[in-house]
Amino acid sequence: MTRPTFRRILLKLSGEVLMGSGQFGIDPDTVDRIAEEIVAIHGDGYELCIVVGGGNIFRGLAGAAKGIERATGDYMGMLATVMNALAVQSALERRGVATRVQSAIPMASVCEPFIRRRAERHLEKGRVVIFAAGVGSPYFTTDSGAALRAAEMKCDALFKGTSVDGVYDADPKKVPGAKRYEEIDFSTVLSNDLKIMDASAIALCRDNNIPIVVFNIREQGNLARVLAGEGIATIVRNGE
């Protein structure tokens, strides 16, 4: 299968990816490795937006399970995404890539507020834009935030960097012989509850015709390979 080519992409990174081999927090070596991959594709002329989760620091649902009010827990998780965004920004700027962090929760001393037209201008000037704090409201995941920003920024695709190399019909870590899809449509993902992202994020991408490319970000150099159509990944898009 020949994959489509993309120019402007949104890269969604889970917070857990930034932990490296640790159990919590931010591993500087891992952040540096991911930054190197981002620098490489930025140098190839791609326009790049990034959304980073916060699960390596705090997850709202987990906090709710331990007695923290759900909305409060979600706001705490949003603040965790800002910390991760600043870590990625720092790593990119040490490598000479101009980067702006825009937060859905205004915090002027730390980063810019999310303003769509300003973000557009940053991309036009060759800057990487990192969107933090999800959609700025509780009860929404950073997956939903990524899908929303991809639609607002008119991205050609949403790249979901995970610890697996695509979409499977079952959890490959638990089910030996699980089948990996090379391509699958949004309706099948939703009807089979494949959980690559939450349902609202998948529906938003489907309705705005934004393909989702699922790949393993932990494999060094894989982002560039997948963008070039060579790496292992699954593309989720509307059926013909």
Foldseek 3Di string as FASTA:
>chain_A
DFDDAFAEEEEEEEQVQQQPPHQADGDLVSLLLLLVLVVVVLVVRHQYEYFYWQVRHADLVVVVVVPDPSFVRLQVRLVSRLVVVVSNCVSNVVVPAAEFEAECDDDPVRGHHDDLVVSLVCSVVSHYYYYTSQNVGTPDGNLQSSLVSCLSNVGQAYEYADQAAEFWLDPCVVDPPTDHAQEEELVVCVVSVSPPDDNNSSVSCAVSFHKYKYGHSSDRNQVVCVSVVHHGIYIYGHDD
